[in-house]
C-alpha cells in the first residue's frame, strides 16, 4: 500500500544519491590524478 510505495520511492532516492556520490568521487579522483600528472 502506501508504505510500500514510500519505501520504493526512498530506495530509488538513495540509489540516485549513491550514483551521484560515486560519480562525484570518481570525477574528483580523476581531477586529482590529472593535476598530479601535470605537476609531475
N, C-alpha and C. Protein backbone atom coordinates (compact mmCIF):
# COMPACT_ATOMS: atom_id res chain seq x y z
N UNK A 1 0.82 -1.20 0.00
CA UNK A 1 0.00 0.00 0.00
C UNK A 1 0.86 1.26 0.00
N UNK A 2 0.47 2.21 0.83
CA UNK A 2 1.17 3.48 0.88
C UNK A 2 2.60 3.29 1.38
N UNK A 3 2.77 2.49 2.43
CA UNK A 3 4.11 2.27 2.99
C UNK A 3 5.05 1.68 1.95
N UNK A 4 4.58 0.69 1.20
CA UNK A 4 5.42 0.05 0.19
C UNK A 4 5.84 1.08 -0.86
N UNK A 5 4.91 1.94 -1.27
CA UNK A 5 5.23 2.98 -2.25
C UNK A 5 6.28 3.92 -1.71
N UNK A 6 6.14 4.30 -0.44
CA UNK A 6 7.12 5.19 0.18
C UNK A 6 8.49 4.52 0.22
N UNK A 7 8.52 3.25 0.58
CA UNK A 7 9.79 2.52 0.66
C UNK A 7 10.46 2.47 -0.70
N UNK A 8 9.68 2.20 -1.75
CA UNK A 8 10.23 2.13 -3.10
C UNK A 8 10.78 3.49 -3.51
N UNK A 9 10.03 4.55 -3.22
CA UNK A 9 10.47 5.89 -3.58
C UNK A 9 11.76 6.24 -2.83
N UNK A 10 11.81 5.89 -1.54
CA UNK A 10 13.00 6.17 -0.74
C UNK A 10 14.20 5.38 -1.27
N UNK A 11 13.98 4.11 -1.62
CA UNK A 11 15.06 3.28 -2.17
C UNK A 11 15.59 3.89 -3.46
N UNK A 12 14.68 4.37 -4.30
CA UNK A 12 15.10 4.99 -5.56
C UNK A 12 15.91 6.25 -5.28
N UNK A 13 15.49 7.02 -4.27
CA UNK A 13 16.19 8.25 -3.91
C UNK A 13 17.60 7.93 -3.43
N UNK A 14 17.72 6.90 -2.58
CA UNK A 14 19.03 6.50 -2.05
C UNK A 14 19.94 6.05 -3.19
N UNK A 15 19.37 5.25 -4.11
CA UNK A 15 20.15 4.76 -5.24
C UNK A 15 20.66 5.92 -6.08
N UNK A 16 19.79 6.91 -6.31
CA UNK A 16 20.18 8.08 -7.10
C UNK A 16 21.28 8.85 -6.38
N UNK A 17 21.14 9.02 -5.07
CA UNK A 17 22.14 9.75 -4.29
C UNK A 17 23.49 9.02 -4.33
N UNK A 18 23.46 7.70 -4.20
CA UNK A 18 24.71 6.92 -4.23
C UNK A 18 25.37 7.06 -5.59
N UNK A 19 24.56 7.05 -6.66
CA UNK A 19 25.08 7.20 -8.01
C UNK A 19 25.80 8.54 -8.15
N UNK A 20 25.14 9.60 -7.71
CA UNK A 20 25.72 10.95 -7.80
C UNK A 20 27.01 11.02 -6.99
N UNK A 21 26.98 10.43 -5.78
CA UNK A 21 28.17 10.46 -4.92
C UNK A 21 29.32 9.72 -5.58
N UNK A 22 29.02 8.56 -6.17
CA UNK A 22 30.06 7.76 -6.81
C UNK A 22 30.68 8.52 -7.98
N UNK A 23 29.82 9.15 -8.80
CA UNK A 23 30.31 9.91 -9.96
C UNK A 23 31.16 11.10 -9.50
N UNK A 24 30.70 11.76 -8.42
CA UNK A 24 31.45 12.91 -7.90
C UNK A 24 32.83 12.47 -7.40
N UNK A 25 32.87 11.36 -6.65
CA UNK A 25 34.15 10.86 -6.14
C UNK A 25 35.06 10.47 -7.28
N UNK A 26 34.50 9.81 -8.29
CA UNK A 26 35.30 9.39 -9.44
C UNK A 26 35.87 10.61 -10.16
N UNK A 27 35.04 11.63 -10.34
CA UNK A 27 35.49 12.85 -11.01
C UNK A 27 36.58 13.55 -10.21
N UNK A 28 36.41 13.60 -8.88
CA UNK A 28 37.41 14.24 -8.02
C UNK A 28 38.73 13.47 -8.09
N UNK A 29 38.64 12.14 -8.07
CA UNK A 29 39.85 11.31 -8.14
C UNK A 29 40.57 11.53 -9.46
N UNK A 30 39.81 11.59 -10.55
CA UNK A 30 40.40 11.82 -11.86
C UNK A 30 41.06 13.19 -11.92
N UNK A 31 40.38 14.21 -11.38
CA UNK A 31 40.93 15.56 -11.39
C UNK A 31 42.24 15.61 -10.61
N UNK A 32 42.25 14.98 -9.44
CA UNK A 32 43.47 14.95 -8.62
C UNK A 32 44.58 14.20 -9.36
N UNK A 33 44.23 13.11 -10.01
CA UNK A 33 45.21 12.31 -10.75
C UNK A 33 45.84 13.12 -11.88
N UNK A 34 44.97 13.82 -12.64
CA UNK A 34 45.49 14.62 -13.75
C UNK A 34 46.31 15.79 -13.25
N UNK A 35 45.90 16.41 -12.11
CA UNK A 35 46.68 17.50 -11.51
C UNK A 35 48.07 17.00 -11.15
N UNK A 36 48.12 15.83 -10.51
CA UNK A 36 49.39 15.24 -10.11
C UNK A 36 50.26 14.95 -11.33
N UNK A 37 49.64 14.45 -12.38
CA UNK A 37 50.37 14.16 -13.61
C UNK A 37 50.94 15.45 -14.21
N UNK A 38 50.12 16.51 -14.20
CA UNK A 38 50.54 17.79 -14.78
C UNK A 38 51.69 18.39 -13.96
N UNK A 39 51.59 18.30 -12.64
CA UNK A 39 52.64 18.85 -11.77
C UNK A 39 53.92 18.02 -11.92
N UNK A 40 53.75 16.68 -11.91
CA UNK A 40 54.90 15.79 -12.02
C UNK A 40 55.53 15.90 -13.39
